[in-house]
Amino acid sequence: MQDARNLIVAITGASGAIYGIRALELLRSLPGVRTHLVLTASAARTIAEETDYLVNDVRALAHEVHHAKDIGASISSGSFRTAGMLVAPCSIKTLSGIAHSYADELVARAADVCLKERRRVVLLLRETPLHAGHIELMAQATRNGAIVMPPVPAFYHRPATVQDIVDQTVGRALDLFDIALPGTRRWTGGHKKNTEVNP
């Protein structure tokens, strides 16, 4: 296994912990990908509020777990090669730290390292509605090299369950790391039986 297929997954305290959890589940089954999890204290609270998962069960999905305050972890150094970092979900606090390179804890530090090494950083930002400060933070993070990807669901694949929506979003996020998940539905330019629009 090449070091470049190490992928950092961070779960922070925004709503939508299921995105990070599902990413870990799907990546676990892929050969050649090794996941490094950073799970914040706020994320642990959100997992308990929003899901039926136990925090220890989520940690067990990753190949390696790093404490959120351990800024000396392997992933805090650019010499540790990774394919990049997925922050799912990404809180506004985390976005702010990444946008301003305020690396007081491991999530922001690992993201900052990926950005300085020109590695992919994908932020599934979970906040709405947005005020001007949020938008400016997204713009700054984008200028730094991050990709801001709010988990806005697609419906062309006709999702029947919440799981379908989550899987489609996670699949599209992992596409950005050139990791293709089996079963990800893609738009093919298909036709509809009735494309007329009534006035």
Protein backbone atom coordinates (compact mmCIF):
# COMPACT_ATOMS: atom_id res chain seq x y z
CA MET A 1 0.00 0.00 0.00
CA GLN A 2 1.36 3.41 -0.93
CA ASP A 3 1.46 6.14 1.69
CA ALA A 4 -0.30 8.49 -0.73
CA ARG A 5 -3.53 6.54 -0.17
CA ASN A 6 -3.71 7.54 3.47
CA LEU A 7 -6.86 9.65 3.81
CA ILE A 8 -7.61 11.85 6.81
CA VAL A 9 -11.26 11.97 7.87
CA ALA A 10 -12.29 14.55 10.45
CA ILE A 11 -15.70 14.62 12.11
CA THR A 12 -16.47 17.93 13.81
CA GLY A 13 -19.38 19.24 15.83
CA ALA A 14 -21.78 20.37 13.10
CA SER A 15 -24.98 18.51 12.35
CA GLY A 16 -24.46 15.67 9.88
CA ALA A 17 -22.07 13.34 11.69
CA ILE A 18 -23.51 10.55 9.57
CA TYR A 19 -21.54 11.84 6.56
CA GLY A 20 -18.20 11.20 8.24
CA ILE A 21 -19.37 7.91 9.71
CA ARG A 22 -20.63 6.66 6.36
CA ALA A 23 -17.40 7.73 4.65
CA LEU A 24 -15.45 5.62 7.15
CA GLU A 25 -17.75 2.64 6.59
CA LEU A 26 -17.44 2.79 2.82
CA LEU A 27 -13.69 3.42 2.85
CA ARG A 28 -13.15 0.50 5.20
CA SER A 29 -14.21 -1.89 2.46
CA LEU A 30 -11.87 -0.43 -0.18
CA PRO A 31 -8.46 -2.02 -0.67
CA GLY A 32 -5.52 0.36 -0.74
CA VAL A 33 -7.09 3.12 1.38
CA ARG A 34 -6.07 3.68 4.99
CA THR A 35 -8.14 6.10 7.06
CA HIS A 36 -6.88 8.41 9.80
CA LEU A 37 -9.72 9.69 11.98
CA VAL A 38 -9.83 12.87 14.04
CA LEU A 39 -13.02 13.16 16.06
CA THR A 40 -13.63 16.30 18.12
CA ALA A 41 -15.37 16.45 21.50
CA SER A 42 -18.26 18.33 19.90
CA ALA A 43 -18.52 15.61 17.26
CA ALA A 44 -18.88 12.99 19.99
CA ARG A 45 -21.83 14.94 21.36
CA THR A 46 -23.41 15.24 17.92
CA ILE A 47 -22.97 11.52 17.23
CA ALA A 48 -24.85 10.76 20.44
CA GLU A 49 -27.63 13.22 19.59
CA GLU A 50 -28.10 12.35 15.92
CA THR A 51 -27.26 8.67 15.49
CA ASP A 52 -27.48 5.26 17.12
CA TYR A 53 -23.71 4.80 16.88
CA LEU A 54 -21.45 4.68 19.91
CA VAL A 55 -18.36 6.86 19.67
CA ASN A 56 -16.10 3.85 20.18
CA ASP A 57 -17.84 2.07 17.31
CA VAL A 58 -17.12 5.06 15.06
CA ARG A 59 -13.47 5.06 16.13
CA ALA A 60 -13.28 1.35 15.31
CA LEU A 61 -14.19 2.08 11.69
CA ALA A 62 -10.90 3.92 11.13
CA HIS A 63 -7.53 2.29 10.60
CA GLU A 64 -5.92 4.83 12.92
CA VAL A 65 -7.41 7.34 15.36
CA HIS A 66 -5.70 10.57 16.43
CA HIS A 67 -6.67 12.65 19.46
CA ALA A 68 -8.09 16.02 18.43
CA LYS A 69 -5.61 17.88 20.63
CA ASP A 70 -2.51 15.93 19.56
CA ILE A 71 -0.76 18.42 17.30
CA GLY A 72 2.27 16.12 17.29
CA ALA A 73 0.38 13.32 15.51
CA SER A 74 1.78 11.89 12.27
CA ILE A 75 -0.82 13.73 10.18
CA SER A 76 0.35 17.08 11.57
CA SER A 77 3.51 16.89 9.44
CA GLY A 78 3.86 17.40 5.72
CA SER A 79 6.44 14.61 5.61
CA PHE A 80 3.62 12.15 6.34
CA ARG A 81 2.15 11.55 2.90
CA THR A 82 -1.61 11.51 2.47
CA ALA A 83 -4.15 11.83 -0.34
CA GLY A 84 -5.68 14.72 1.57
CA MET A 85 -8.40 15.34 4.12
CA LEU A 86 -12.19 15.11 4.24
CA VAL A 87 -13.92 17.12 6.97
CA ALA A 88 -17.42 15.68 7.24
CA PRO A 89 -19.24 17.50 8.61
CA CYS A 90 -17.33 20.77 8.86
CA SER A 91 -18.47 23.21 11.54
CA ILE A 92 -18.14 26.97 11.12
CA LYS A 93 -15.57 26.97 13.94
CA THR A 94 -13.47 24.45 12.00
CA LEU A 95 -13.93 26.41 8.77
CA SER A 96 -12.70 29.53 10.56
CA GLY A 97 -9.60 27.76 11.87
CA ILE A 98 -8.77 26.40 8.41
CA ALA A 99 -9.46 29.71 6.66
CA HIS A 100 -7.18 31.61 9.06
CA SER A 101 -4.53 28.87 9.55
CA TYR A 102 -5.35 28.93 13.27
CA ALA A 103 -4.01 25.47 14.00
CA ASP A 104 -4.49 25.21 17.75
CA GLU A 105 -5.91 21.67 17.45
CA LEU A 106 -5.28 18.73 15.13
CA VAL A 107 -8.18 19.17 12.69
CA ALA A 108 -7.11 22.65 11.63
CA ARG A 109 -3.42 21.70 11.78
CA ALA A 110 -3.84 18.62 9.57
CA ALA A 111 -5.92 20.61 7.09
CA ASP A 112 -3.33 23.39 7.04
CA VAL A 113 -0.58 20.84 6.37
CA CYS A 114 -2.56 19.34 3.48
CA LEU A 115 -3.11 22.77 1.99
CA LYS A 116 0.52 23.83 2.24
CA GLU A 117 1.54 20.54 0.60
CA ARG A 118 -1.06 21.18 -2.14
CA ARG A 119 -3.15 18.18 -1.16
CA ARG A 120 -6.91 18.03 -1.50
CA VAL A 121 -9.02 19.27 1.44
CA VAL A 122 -12.80 18.86 1.14
CA LEU A 123 -15.07 20.59 3.64
CA LEU A 124 -18.67 19.37 3.95
CA LEU A 125 -19.81 22.61 5.52
CA ARG A 126 -23.02 22.28 7.51
CA GLU A 127 -24.63 25.61 8.28
CA THR A 128 -27.66 27.45 6.96
CA PRO A 129 -28.66 30.17 6.48
CA LEU A 130 -25.31 31.90 5.97
CA HIS A 131 -24.32 35.41 6.97
CA ALA A 132 -21.61 37.48 5.29
CA GLY A 133 -18.94 36.30 7.74
CA HIS A 134 -19.59 32.67 6.86
CA ILE A 135 -19.37 33.44 3.15
CA GLU A 136 -16.10 35.33 3.63
CA LEU A 137 -14.67 32.36 5.53
CA MET A 138 -15.66 30.02 2.69
CA ALA A 139 -14.02 32.35 0.18
CA GLN A 140 -10.80 32.49 2.23
CA ALA A 141 -10.68 28.72 2.66
CA THR A 142 -11.17 28.37 -1.10
CA ARG A 143 -8.34 30.82 -1.78
CA ASN A 144 -6.16 28.70 0.53
CA GLY A 145 -6.89 25.71 -1.71
CA ALA A 146 -9.75 23.95 0.08
CA ILE A 147 -12.92 22.78 -1.65
CA VAL A 148 -16.10 23.83 0.17
CA MET A 149 -18.78 21.26 -0.56
CA PRO A 150 -21.99 21.78 1.41
CA PRO A 151 -23.80 18.42 1.50
CA VAL A 152 -26.67 19.54 -0.71
CA PRO A 153 -28.57 16.44 -1.83
CA ALA A 154 -29.05 15.52 -5.48
CA PHE A 155 -32.32 14.00 -6.60
CA TYR A 156 -31.64 12.83 -10.17
CA HIS A 157 -30.86 9.38 -8.80
CA ARG A 158 -34.33 9.20 -7.23
CA PRO A 159 -33.30 8.56 -3.61
CA ALA A 160 -35.77 6.44 -1.69
CA THR A 161 -34.17 6.73 1.75
CA VAL A 162 -32.02 9.07 3.79
CA GLN A 163 -29.25 6.48 3.36
CA ASP A 164 -29.46 6.96 -0.42
CA ILE A 165 -28.98 10.71 0.00
CA VAL A 166 -26.05 10.29 2.39
CA ASP A 167 -24.35 7.71 0.17
CA GLN A 168 -24.66 9.90 -2.93
CA THR A 169 -23.11 12.89 -1.13
CA VAL A 170 -20.30 10.82 0.35
CA GLY A 171 -19.62 9.22 -3.03
CA ARG A 172 -19.36 12.62 -4.71
CA ALA A 173 -17.05 13.90 -1.96
CA LEU A 174 -14.74 10.91 -2.34
CA ASP A 175 -14.73 11.43 -6.11
CA LEU A 176 -12.73 14.59 -5.36
CA PHE A 177 -9.92 12.35 -4.05
CA ASP A 178 -10.18 10.09 -7.11
CA ILE A 179 -11.73 7.40 -4.92
CA ALA A 180 -14.63 5.84 -6.80
CA LEU A 181 -17.22 4.00 -4.73
CA PRO A 182 -19.18 1.17 -6.32
CA GLY A 183 -22.82 2.15 -6.64
CA THR A 184 -22.37 5.91 -6.85
CA ARG A 185 -25.09 7.11 -9.23
CA ARG A 186 -23.93 9.53 -11.92
CA TRP A 187 -25.83 11.77 -14.29
CA THR A 188 -25.74 10.33 -17.80
CA GLY A 189 -27.87 12.85 -19.66
CA GLY A 190 -30.85 10.52 -19.68
CA HIS A 191 -34.18 11.59 -21.14
CA LYS A 192 -37.58 11.96 -19.53
CA LYS A 193 -40.86 10.72 -20.99
CA ASN A 194 -42.38 14.16 -20.64
CA THR A 195 -40.08 17.17 -20.71
CA GLU A 196 -42.78 19.77 -21.35
CA VAL A 197 -43.05 22.63 -18.88
CA ASN A 198 -46.52 23.97 -18.29
CA PRO A 199 -46.78 27.79 -18.30
